[in-house]
Amino acid sequence: MRKLLNTLYVTMPDAYLARDGENVLIKAENEIKFRIPVHNLEGIVCFGFAGASPGLMHLCCERGVTLSFLTEYGKFMGRITGKVSGNILLRKKQYRWTENESITVRLAKRFILAKIINGRAVLHRAVRDHPQTVDTDQLTDIMRNMAIMAKRLDKTDDLNVVRGLEGQAANLYFSGFNQLILNQKDDFFMAGRNRRPPLDRVNALLSFLYTLLTHEVVAALESVGLDPQAGFLHRDRPGRQSLALDVMEELRPHFADRLAVTLINRNQIDPSGFIIKENGAVIMDDKTRKELLIAWQKRKQEEIMHPFLEEKVSLGLVPYIQAMLLARHIRGDLEDYPPFFWK
């Protein structure tokens, strides 16, 4: 079983990563700011323009530690990994499945059905917990229409229709997202989902959390021997982690969206921690990113009842469990893939 607190996030823009024996060093202004043994890590994620020494890169490859580089917006730039591991037979079958239209449609429908159901659950909780504060009529209408799309999804065998329904359901869901924000409404609101770059604080927050979730899912898929780039709903594109994006769909509402709303409503995120650029792009400052990373790591330690295993597990292990279930399905050990449905 993997540790939960095994990812080192580097947010200092002037940081430099170096090696000292079996230790990873974080340097800034020629001073060592942080030191950690490499055997305590499974991943290092650098935001901004942090550099890394060749010695550190060699150590990470040698010890199986993934070194990822992202922009200050959270856009993935590249990653350094060691030798490809995993079951070659499993990967070959995965590749064959991605070329099979009926299989790709079936799995794509599973991912998106869970995304729609989990999104409805987020809206339903707001109606249940805050009926006097939120617009219950609007949210109820959105949930009703999302349920209709879930039924339409079940009846289609066309991948393009699946993608279209996913987009419509996402637009519906985010049209009611402002209702979930109960505090700091003047500073935290969204006019629909936007990214690359995000144009408001809520979208900046969501984009950052989705980036963290991507990293978790990629690591989970690689840990069970699957290729994160060979997806079913998201098609092949150079550098695109298509399978990770597939699996992420079902996890976004519970992992990222709920955490974003919670941080805003509990005043744990300050609007002054967001920088608005001349082009309208909104990014978080270093302090806010650190606060968010701490909240993310704490969130991963929360326990839930896994809907398929019917066992209590830490939330941070859910991506690994879903990756394991998907691998078992592809191998033939499970008749179908059981997506994550939040209860």
Protein backbone atom coordinates (compact mmCIF):
# COMPACT_ATOMS: atom_id res chain seq x y z
CA MET A 1 0.00 0.00 0.00
CA ARG A 2 1.31 3.43 -0.85
CA LYS A 3 1.93 6.18 1.65
CA LEU A 4 -0.30 9.23 1.39
CA LEU A 5 2.14 11.95 2.32
CA ASN A 6 4.70 10.89 -0.30
CA THR A 7 4.68 13.82 -2.72
CA LEU A 8 6.96 16.82 -2.36
CA TYR A 9 5.44 20.03 -3.78
CA VAL A 10 7.91 22.81 -4.61
CA THR A 11 6.18 26.18 -4.95
CA MET A 12 9.05 28.65 -4.43
CA PRO A 13 9.72 30.29 -7.84
CA ASP A 14 13.44 30.69 -7.11
CA ALA A 15 13.96 27.16 -5.79
CA TYR A 16 16.62 24.81 -7.10
CA LEU A 17 16.57 21.05 -6.50
CA ALA A 18 19.85 19.27 -5.84
CA ARG A 19 21.20 15.98 -4.55
CA ASP A 20 23.27 15.22 -1.48
CA GLY A 21 23.91 11.49 -1.36
CA GLU A 22 20.49 9.87 -0.91
CA ASN A 23 18.79 13.16 0.00
CA VAL A 24 16.78 15.68 -2.01
CA LEU A 25 17.72 19.29 -1.27
CA ILE A 26 15.65 22.40 -1.92
CA LYS A 27 17.88 25.45 -2.24
CA ALA A 28 17.03 29.14 -2.54
CA GLU A 29 19.45 32.09 -2.46
CA ASN A 30 22.34 29.62 -2.01
CA GLU A 31 20.81 28.29 1.21
CA ILE A 32 19.38 24.84 1.91
CA LYS A 33 15.72 25.39 2.77
CA PHE A 34 14.61 21.77 2.99
CA ARG A 35 16.11 18.28 3.02
CA ILE A 36 14.37 14.91 2.73
CA PRO A 37 15.60 11.34 2.14
CA VAL A 38 14.65 10.17 -1.35
CA HIS A 39 13.24 6.89 -0.01
CA ASN A 40 10.43 8.90 1.65
CA LEU A 41 9.20 10.14 -1.73
CA GLU A 42 7.31 8.79 -4.71
CA GLY A 43 6.90 12.08 -6.53
CA ILE A 44 8.17 15.66 -6.72
CA VAL A 45 5.98 18.34 -8.30
CA CYS A 46 7.56 21.72 -9.14
CA PHE A 47 5.45 24.81 -9.82
CA GLY A 48 6.94 27.79 -11.61
CA PHE A 49 10.49 27.71 -12.87
CA ALA A 50 12.32 25.60 -10.32
CA GLY A 51 15.48 24.03 -11.70
CA ALA A 52 16.97 20.63 -10.92
CA SER A 53 20.51 19.32 -11.07
CA PRO A 54 21.43 16.37 -13.32
CA GLY A 55 22.47 14.51 -10.16
CA LEU A 56 19.02 14.95 -8.65
CA MET A 57 17.35 13.80 -11.88
CA HIS A 58 19.56 10.70 -11.93
CA LEU A 59 18.67 9.93 -8.30
CA CYS A 60 14.94 10.26 -9.02
CA CYS A 61 15.14 7.95 -12.03
CA GLU A 62 17.22 5.45 -10.07
CA ARG A 63 14.81 5.38 -7.12
CA GLY A 64 11.56 5.49 -9.12
CA VAL A 65 10.61 9.01 -8.02
CA THR A 66 8.67 10.94 -10.66
CA LEU A 67 9.83 14.53 -11.14
CA SER A 68 7.10 16.72 -12.69
CA PHE A 69 7.30 20.34 -13.86
CA LEU A 70 4.26 22.62 -14.09
CA THR A 71 3.79 26.30 -14.83
CA GLU A 72 2.65 28.74 -12.15
CA TYR A 73 -0.86 28.28 -13.59
CA GLY A 74 -0.67 24.56 -12.92
CA LYS A 75 -0.30 23.57 -16.59
CA PHE A 76 1.69 20.38 -17.06
CA MET A 77 5.01 20.94 -18.84
CA GLY A 78 6.91 17.67 -18.54
CA ARG A 79 8.05 14.87 -16.29
CA ILE A 80 11.14 12.78 -15.68
CA THR A 81 10.67 9.10 -14.88
CA GLY A 82 12.83 6.02 -14.69
CA LYS A 83 12.42 2.78 -16.59
CA VAL A 84 8.90 1.82 -17.65
CA SER A 85 7.61 -0.92 -15.39
CA GLY A 86 4.46 -2.97 -15.32
CA ASN A 87 2.94 -5.99 -16.96
CA ILE A 88 3.58 -5.85 -20.71
CA LEU A 89 0.66 -8.21 -21.33
CA LEU A 90 -1.68 -5.89 -19.43
CA ARG A 91 -0.51 -2.86 -21.41
CA LYS A 92 -0.79 -4.64 -24.75
CA LYS A 93 -4.37 -5.59 -23.91
CA GLN A 94 -5.06 -2.01 -22.82
CA TYR A 95 -3.83 -0.74 -26.20
CA ARG A 96 -6.02 -3.26 -28.05
CA TRP A 97 -9.02 -2.18 -26.01
CA THR A 98 -8.50 1.49 -26.88
CA GLU A 99 -8.91 0.53 -30.55
CA ASN A 100 -12.14 -1.38 -29.90
CA GLU A 101 -15.12 0.95 -30.37
CA SER A 102 -17.62 -1.00 -28.26
CA ILE A 103 -15.19 -1.27 -25.35
CA THR A 104 -14.20 2.40 -25.49
CA VAL A 105 -17.85 3.48 -25.47
CA ARG A 106 -18.72 1.16 -22.58
CA LEU A 107 -15.86 2.37 -20.39
CA ALA A 108 -16.35 6.01 -21.37
CA LYS A 109 -19.99 5.72 -20.27
CA ARG A 110 -18.89 4.30 -16.91
CA PHE A 111 -16.52 7.23 -16.26
CA ILE A 112 -19.06 9.88 -17.26
CA LEU A 113 -22.02 8.28 -15.49
CA ALA A 114 -20.06 8.41 -12.23
CA LYS A 115 -19.08 12.01 -12.92
CA ILE A 116 -22.73 13.03 -13.43
CA ILE A 117 -23.96 11.10 -10.37
CA ASN A 118 -21.19 12.46 -8.16
CA GLY A 119 -21.82 16.02 -9.40
CA ARG A 120 -25.51 15.66 -8.56
CA ALA A 121 -24.51 14.44 -5.10
CA VAL A 122 -22.49 17.61 -4.51
CA LEU A 123 -25.48 19.77 -5.49
CA HIS A 124 -27.87 17.61 -3.46
CA ARG A 125 -25.78 18.03 -0.33
CA ALA A 126 -26.01 21.83 -0.69
CA VAL A 127 -29.81 21.61 -0.98
CA ARG A 128 -30.00 19.27 1.99
CA ASP A 129 -27.64 21.17 4.30
CA HIS A 130 -28.51 24.77 3.35
CA PRO A 131 -32.13 24.87 2.11
CA GLN A 132 -32.67 28.41 3.43
CA THR A 133 -29.51 29.79 1.82
CA VAL A 134 -29.22 28.28 -1.65
CA ASP A 135 -31.65 28.55 -4.54
CA THR A 136 -33.20 25.12 -4.12
CA ASP A 137 -35.40 25.51 -7.19
CA GLN A 138 -32.42 26.20 -9.45
CA LEU A 139 -30.33 23.36 -8.04
CA THR A 140 -33.25 20.92 -8.11
CA ASP A 141 -33.88 21.77 -11.76
CA ILE A 142 -30.19 21.26 -12.58
CA MET A 143 -30.16 17.91 -10.79
CA ARG A 144 -33.29 16.81 -12.65
CA ASN A 145 -31.74 17.64 -16.02
CA MET A 146 -28.49 15.92 -15.08
CA ALA A 147 -30.50 12.80 -14.23
CA ILE A 148 -32.10 12.94 -17.68
CA MET A 149 -28.64 13.11 -19.25
CA ALA A 150 -27.52 10.10 -17.21
CA LYS A 151 -30.45 8.12 -18.67
CA ARG A 152 -29.63 9.28 -22.20
CA LEU A 153 -26.03 8.26 -21.61
CA ASP A 154 -27.11 4.73 -20.78
CA LYS A 155 -28.92 4.38 -24.12
CA THR A 156 -26.22 5.59 -26.51
CA ASP A 157 -23.50 3.58 -28.24
CA ASP A 158 -21.84 6.57 -29.90
CA LEU A 159 -18.65 7.94 -28.33
CA ASN A 160 -19.27 11.42 -29.74
CA VAL A 161 -22.70 11.45 -28.10
CA VAL A 162 -21.06 10.43 -24.80
CA ARG A 163 -18.67 13.37 -25.09
CA GLY A 164 -21.54 15.71 -25.96
CA LEU A 165 -23.58 14.61 -22.95
CA GLU A 166 -20.54 15.01 -20.71
CA GLY A 167 -20.10 18.58 -21.90
CA GLN A 168 -23.78 19.42 -21.43
CA ALA A 169 -23.85 17.91 -17.95
CA ALA A 170 -20.68 19.80 -16.98
CA ASN A 171 -22.18 23.11 -18.18
CA LEU A 172 -25.33 22.43 -16.17
CA TYR A 173 -23.36 21.51 -13.07
CA PHE A 174 -21.17 24.60 -13.17
CA SER A 175 -24.17 26.85 -13.87
CA GLY A 176 -25.23 26.14 -10.27
CA PHE A 177 -21.75 26.15 -8.73
CA ASN A 178 -22.04 29.70 -7.37
CA GLN A 179 -24.94 28.50 -5.21
CA LEU A 180 -22.50 26.30 -3.31
CA ILE A 181 -20.43 29.32 -2.26
CA LEU A 182 -21.97 30.65 0.94
CA ASN A 183 -19.24 33.05 2.13
CA GLN A 184 -16.99 35.58 0.38
CA LYS A 185 -19.46 35.67 -2.50
CA ASP A 186 -18.21 39.04 -3.79
CA ASP A 187 -14.71 37.67 -4.29
CA PHE A 188 -15.35 34.04 -5.18
CA PHE A 189 -17.72 33.43 -8.08
CA MET A 190 -17.48 31.94 -11.54
CA ALA A 191 -19.10 32.71 -14.89
CA GLY A 192 -18.83 29.15 -16.14
CA ARG A 193 -15.78 26.93 -16.29
CA ASN A 194 -12.71 28.49 -17.92
CA ARG A 195 -9.03 27.53 -17.97
CA ARG A 196 -5.71 28.02 -19.77
CA PRO A 197 -5.67 30.45 -18.13
CA PRO A 198 -8.39 30.63 -15.44
CA LEU A 199 -10.12 34.00 -15.40
CA ASP A 200 -11.48 34.11 -11.84
CA ARG A 201 -10.49 32.90 -8.38
CA VAL A 202 -12.81 29.89 -8.35
CA ASN A 203 -11.53 28.63 -11.68
CA ALA A 204 -7.94 29.18 -10.56
CA LEU A 205 -8.66 27.15 -7.45
CA LEU A 206 -10.32 24.33 -9.37
CA SER A 207 -7.59 24.19 -12.01
CA PHE A 208 -4.93 23.87 -9.32
CA LEU A 209 -6.82 21.08 -7.54
CA TYR A 210 -7.43 19.25 -10.83
CA THR A 211 -3.69 19.40 -11.50
CA LEU A 212 -2.98 17.79 -8.11
CA LEU A 213 -5.58 15.12 -8.81
CA THR A 214 -4.02 14.42 -12.21
CA HIS A 215 -0.68 13.76 -10.56
CA GLU A 216 -2.28 11.31 -8.13
CA VAL A 217 -4.14 9.41 -10.85
CA VAL A 218 -1.12 9.17 -13.15
CA ALA A 219 0.95 7.71 -10.30
CA ALA A 220 -1.87 5.29 -9.45
CA LEU A 221 -2.21 4.01 -13.02
CA GLU A 222 1.53 3.54 -13.39
CA SER A 223 1.66 1.67 -10.06
CA VAL A 224 -0.66 -1.07 -11.39
CA GLY A 225 1.07 -1.30 -14.76
CA LEU A 226 -1.34 0.69 -16.93
CA ASP A 227 -0.27 3.35 -19.46
CA PRO A 228 -1.71 6.73 -18.31
CA GLN A 229 -1.63 8.04 -21.91
CA ALA A 230 -3.81 5.34 -23.52
CA GLY A 231 -7.39 6.36 -22.74
CA PHE A 232 -10.91 5.52 -23.79
CA LEU A 233 -12.98 8.70 -23.48
CA HIS A 234 -10.04 11.04 -24.07
CA ARG A 235 -8.28 10.08 -27.26
CA ASP A 236 -4.57 9.90 -28.03
CA ARG A 237 -2.61 13.12 -28.20
CA PRO A 238 1.15 13.56 -27.72
CA GLY A 239 1.91 14.35 -24.09
CA ARG A 240 -1.70 13.93 -22.99
CA GLN A 241 -2.42 11.66 -20.01
CA SER A 242 -5.66 10.44 -21.57
CA LEU A 243 -6.42 7.50 -19.28
CA ALA A 244 -5.65 9.62 -16.23
CA LEU A 245 -8.15 12.21 -17.50
CA ASP A 246 -10.70 9.40 -17.97
CA VAL A 247 -10.41 8.15 -14.40
CA MET A 248 -10.29 11.71 -13.06
CA GLU A 249 -13.79 12.42 -14.37
CA GLU A 250 -15.46 10.35 -11.68
CA LEU A 251 -13.23 11.76 -8.91
CA ARG A 252 -13.39 15.51 -9.65
CA PRO A 253 -16.63 16.37 -7.77
CA HIS A 254 -15.73 14.69 -4.49
CA PHE A 255 -11.96 15.25 -4.49
CA ALA A 256 -11.57 18.73 -5.93
CA ASP A 257 -14.90 20.57 -6.18
CA ARG A 258 -16.01 19.88 -2.60
CA LEU A 259 -12.60 20.84 -1.24
CA ALA A 260 -12.64 24.13 -3.15
CA VAL A 261 -16.10 25.01 -1.81
CA THR A 262 -15.13 24.03 1.74
CA LEU A 263 -11.99 26.18 1.73
CA ILE A 264 -13.95 29.20 0.50
CA ASN A 265 -16.90 28.77 2.85
CA ARG A 266 -14.64 28.28 5.89
CA ASN A 267 -12.59 31.37 4.96
CA GLN A 268 -9.45 29.24 4.74
CA ILE A 269 -8.61 30.88 1.41
CA ASP A 270 -8.19 34.66 1.26
CA PRO A 271 -9.10 36.55 -1.94
CA SER A 272 -5.95 38.65 -1.55
CA GLY A 273 -3.92 35.50 -2.22
CA PHE A 274 -4.84 35.60 -5.91
CA ILE A 275 -2.97 37.66 -8.47
CA ILE A 276 -4.80 39.09 -11.49
CA LYS A 277 -2.51 39.46 -14.51
CA GLU A 278 -2.79 42.10 -17.25
CA ASN A 279 -4.34 39.55 -19.62
CA GLY A 280 -7.05 38.73 -17.06
CA ALA A 281 -5.47 35.46 -15.96
CA VAL A 282 -5.77 34.67 -12.26
CA ILE A 283 -3.11 32.74 -10.35
CA MET A 284 -2.47 32.00 -6.68
CA ASP A 285 0.46 33.45 -4.80
CA ASP A 286 2.99 31.18 -3.08
CA LYS A 287 1.36 31.42 0.36
CA THR A 288 -2.06 30.43 -0.96
CA ARG A 289 -0.61 27.50 -2.90
CA LYS A 290 1.06 26.24 0.26
CA GLU A 291 -2.18 26.53 2.23
CA LEU A 292 -4.00 24.63 -0.49
CA LEU A 293 -1.38 21.88 -0.59
CA ILE A 294 -1.67 21.42 3.18
CA ALA A 295 -5.46 21.17 2.87
CA TRP A 296 -5.07 18.69 -0.01
CA GLN A 297 -2.80 16.42 2.00
CA LYS A 298 -5.13 16.51 5.00
CA ARG A 299 -8.05 15.74 2.72
CA LYS A 300 -6.29 12.61 1.48
CA GLN A 301 -6.18 11.26 5.02
CA GLU A 302 -9.95 11.39 5.55
CA GLU A 303 -11.64 8.00 5.68
CA ILE A 304 -14.63 6.99 3.57
CA MET A 305 -16.51 3.77 2.89
CA HIS A 306 -15.48 2.62 -0.57
CA PRO A 307 -18.72 1.87 -2.49
CA PHE A 308 -17.40 -1.25 -4.26
CA LEU A 309 -15.01 -2.74 -1.72
CA GLU A 310 -17.38 -1.84 1.14
CA GLU A 311 -14.38 -1.14 3.33
CA LYS A 312 -13.16 2.00 5.06
CA VAL A 313 -10.22 3.48 3.18
CA SER A 314 -8.31 6.75 3.21
CA LEU A 315 -9.52 9.11 0.48
CA GLY A 316 -5.99 9.37 -0.86
CA LEU A 317 -6.02 5.68 -1.71
CA VAL A 318 -9.14 5.90 -3.90
CA PRO A 319 -7.19 6.68 -7.12
CA TYR A 320 -5.02 3.61 -6.48
CA ILE A 321 -8.07 1.45 -5.78
CA GLN A 322 -9.79 2.60 -8.98
CA ALA A 323 -6.62 1.98 -10.97
CA MET A 324 -6.39 -1.50 -9.47
CA LEU A 325 -10.05 -2.25 -10.32
CA LEU A 326 -9.58 -1.03 -13.88
CA ALA A 327 -6.47 -3.19 -14.29
CA ARG A 328 -8.34 -6.22 -12.95
CA HIS A 329 -11.16 -5.60 -15.40
CA ILE A 330 -8.76 -5.35 -18.35
CA ARG A 331 -7.03 -8.56 -17.24
CA GLY A 332 -10.41 -10.30 -17.09
CA ASP A 333 -10.65 -10.72 -13.31
CA LEU A 334 -13.68 -8.41 -13.11
CA GLU A 335 -16.63 -8.56 -15.50
CA ASP A 336 -16.97 -4.77 -15.62
CA TYR A 337 -15.23 -1.70 -14.24
CA PRO A 338 -16.89 -0.37 -11.08
CA PRO A 339 -16.49 3.43 -11.03
CA PHE A 340 -16.37 5.44 -7.83
CA PHE A 341 -19.83 6.56 -6.73
CA TRP A 342 -19.79 8.93 -3.76
CA LYS A 343 -22.48 8.20 -1.19
